[in-house]
Amino acid sequence: MSEWRESAVGLGLVFGTVSGIVISLLVDFPFIYGIVIGSIIGYVIGLFISIRAIKR
């Protein structure tokens, strides 16, 4: 189960980073801020999903 939890957090980081890059390109936001904010949001979402899966 630990491997699945780590992969959920990792996928959250990847998707968050990519979405941060896309959003920063669309709204002319500084690139590095988009990456950092997207990574944080993706990490939190991945962590939330993995914690919910563990509680089941």
N, C-alpha and C. Protein backbone atom coordinates (compact mmCIF):
# COMPACT_ATOMS: atom_id res chain seq x y z
N MET A 1 0.82 -1.19 0.00
CA MET A 1 0.00 0.00 0.00
C MET A 1 0.86 1.25 0.00
N SER A 2 2.04 1.16 0.57
CA SER A 2 2.93 2.31 0.63
C SER A 2 3.36 2.74 -0.77
N GLU A 3 3.56 1.77 -1.66
CA GLU A 3 3.96 2.11 -3.02
C GLU A 3 2.85 2.88 -3.73
N TRP A 4 1.60 2.48 -3.52
CA TRP A 4 0.49 3.18 -4.15
C TRP A 4 0.38 4.59 -3.61
N ARG A 5 0.59 4.76 -2.32
CA ARG A 5 0.51 6.08 -1.71
C ARG A 5 1.59 6.99 -2.28
N GLU A 6 2.80 6.48 -2.39
CA GLU A 6 3.89 7.28 -2.96
C GLU A 6 3.61 7.64 -4.41
N SER A 7 3.04 6.71 -5.16
CA SER A 7 2.76 7.01 -6.56
C SER A 7 1.63 8.02 -6.70
N ALA A 8 0.66 8.02 -5.79
CA ALA A 8 -0.40 9.02 -5.84
C ALA A 8 0.16 10.40 -5.58
N VAL A 9 1.05 10.51 -4.62
CA VAL A 9 1.67 11.80 -4.33
C VAL A 9 2.56 12.23 -5.50
N GLY A 10 3.29 11.29 -6.07
CA GLY A 10 4.15 11.60 -7.22
C GLY A 10 3.35 12.05 -8.43
N LEU A 11 2.25 11.35 -8.71
CA LEU A 11 1.41 11.76 -9.82
C LEU A 11 0.78 13.12 -9.57
N GLY A 12 0.41 13.39 -8.32
CA GLY A 12 -0.11 14.71 -7.98
C GLY A 12 0.92 15.79 -8.23
N LEU A 13 2.16 15.52 -7.88
CA LEU A 13 3.23 16.48 -8.15
C LEU A 13 3.41 16.72 -9.64
N VAL A 14 3.40 15.66 -10.42
CA VAL A 14 3.60 15.79 -11.86
C VAL A 14 2.46 16.57 -12.50
N PHE A 15 1.22 16.18 -12.21
CA PHE A 15 0.08 16.88 -12.80
C PHE A 15 -0.02 18.31 -12.29
N GLY A 16 0.30 18.53 -11.04
CA GLY A 16 0.29 19.89 -10.50
C GLY A 16 1.33 20.77 -11.16
N THR A 17 2.51 20.22 -11.38
CA THR A 17 3.57 20.98 -12.03
C THR A 17 3.20 21.32 -13.46
N VAL A 18 2.68 20.35 -14.19
CA VAL A 18 2.29 20.59 -15.58
C VAL A 18 1.16 21.61 -15.64
N SER A 19 0.18 21.48 -14.77
CA SER A 19 -0.92 22.46 -14.79
C SER A 19 -0.41 23.85 -14.39
N GLY A 20 0.54 23.92 -13.47
CA GLY A 20 1.13 25.22 -13.12
C GLY A 20 1.86 25.85 -14.28
N ILE A 21 2.56 25.03 -15.07
CA ILE A 21 3.25 25.55 -16.25
C ILE A 21 2.25 26.06 -17.27
N VAL A 22 1.21 25.29 -17.52
CA VAL A 22 0.20 25.69 -18.51
C VAL A 22 -0.50 26.97 -18.07
N ILE A 23 -0.88 27.05 -16.81
CA ILE A 23 -1.56 28.25 -16.32
C ILE A 23 -0.64 29.46 -16.38
N SER A 24 0.64 29.28 -16.04
CA SER A 24 1.56 30.41 -16.10
C SER A 24 1.77 30.89 -17.53
N LEU A 25 1.70 29.99 -18.49
CA LEU A 25 1.82 30.40 -19.89
C LEU A 25 0.56 31.09 -20.38
N LEU A 26 -0.60 30.65 -19.90
CA LEU A 26 -1.86 31.22 -20.37
C LEU A 26 -2.12 32.62 -19.81
N VAL A 27 -1.78 32.85 -18.55
CA VAL A 27 -2.12 34.12 -17.92
C VAL A 27 -0.90 35.03 -17.73
N ASP A 28 0.21 34.71 -18.40
CA ASP A 28 1.42 35.52 -18.35
C ASP A 28 1.89 35.74 -16.91
N PHE A 29 1.91 34.64 -16.18
CA PHE A 29 2.36 34.61 -14.79
C PHE A 29 3.82 34.16 -14.80
N PRO A 30 4.66 34.62 -13.87
CA PRO A 30 6.05 34.14 -13.87
C PRO A 30 6.12 32.61 -13.81
N PHE A 31 6.96 32.06 -14.65
CA PHE A 31 7.05 30.62 -14.86
C PHE A 31 7.35 29.86 -13.58
N ILE A 32 8.31 30.32 -12.80
CA ILE A 32 8.73 29.59 -11.61
C ILE A 32 7.62 29.57 -10.55
N TYR A 33 6.86 30.65 -10.46
CA TYR A 33 5.76 30.67 -9.49
C TYR A 33 4.67 29.68 -9.89
N GLY A 34 4.42 29.55 -11.17
CA GLY A 34 3.44 28.57 -11.64
C GLY A 34 3.85 27.15 -11.31
N ILE A 35 5.15 26.86 -11.47
CA ILE A 35 5.65 25.53 -11.16
C ILE A 35 5.52 25.25 -9.66
N VAL A 36 5.94 26.21 -8.84
CA VAL A 36 5.92 26.01 -7.39
C VAL A 36 4.49 25.87 -6.88
N ILE A 37 3.62 26.76 -7.28
CA ILE A 37 2.22 26.72 -6.82
C ILE A 37 1.54 25.45 -7.32
N GLY A 38 1.76 25.08 -8.57
CA GLY A 38 1.18 23.85 -9.10
C GLY A 38 1.68 22.61 -8.39
N SER A 39 2.96 22.60 -8.05
CA SER A 39 3.52 21.46 -7.33
C SER A 39 2.93 21.33 -5.94
N ILE A 40 2.77 22.45 -5.26
CA ILE A 40 2.19 22.42 -3.92
C ILE A 40 0.75 21.91 -3.97
N ILE A 41 -0.02 22.44 -4.90
CA ILE A 41 -1.42 22.02 -5.02
C ILE A 41 -1.50 20.54 -5.40
N GLY A 42 -0.66 20.10 -6.33
CA GLY A 42 -0.64 18.70 -6.73
C GLY A 42 -0.23 17.77 -5.61
N TYR A 43 0.74 18.20 -4.80
CA TYR A 43 1.17 17.40 -3.66
C TYR A 43 0.04 17.24 -2.65
N VAL A 44 -0.64 18.33 -2.37
CA VAL A 44 -1.74 18.28 -1.40
C VAL A 44 -2.86 17.38 -1.90
N ILE A 45 -3.20 17.48 -3.18
CA ILE A 45 -4.26 16.64 -3.74
C ILE A 45 -3.84 15.17 -3.71
N GLY A 46 -2.60 14.87 -4.10
CA GLY A 46 -2.11 13.49 -4.06
C GLY A 46 -2.08 12.93 -2.65
N LEU A 47 -1.67 13.76 -1.69
CA LEU A 47 -1.64 13.33 -0.30
C LEU A 47 -3.05 13.07 0.22
N PHE A 48 -4.00 13.93 -0.15
CA PHE A 48 -5.39 13.75 0.26
C PHE A 48 -5.96 12.44 -0.30
N ILE A 49 -5.68 12.16 -1.56
CA ILE A 49 -6.17 10.93 -2.17
C ILE A 49 -5.57 9.71 -1.49
N SER A 50 -4.27 9.76 -1.21
CA SER A 50 -3.63 8.60 -0.58
C SER A 50 -4.10 8.39 0.85
N ILE A 51 -4.35 9.46 1.58
CA ILE A 51 -4.85 9.32 2.96
C ILE A 51 -6.26 8.76 2.95
N ARG A 52 -7.09 9.21 2.01
CA ARG A 52 -8.44 8.66 1.91
C ARG A 52 -8.41 7.18 1.57
N ALA A 53 -7.47 6.78 0.72
CA ALA A 53 -7.38 5.37 0.34
C ALA A 53 -6.92 4.51 1.51
N ILE A 54 -6.07 5.05 2.36
CA ILE A 54 -5.58 4.31 3.52
C ILE A 54 -6.70 4.11 4.54
N LYS A 55 -7.56 5.10 4.71
CA LYS A 55 -8.63 5.02 5.71
C LYS A 55 -9.69 4.00 5.34
N ARG A 56 -9.78 3.59 4.08
CA ARG A 56 -10.80 2.63 3.67
C ARG A 56 -10.50 1.26 4.14
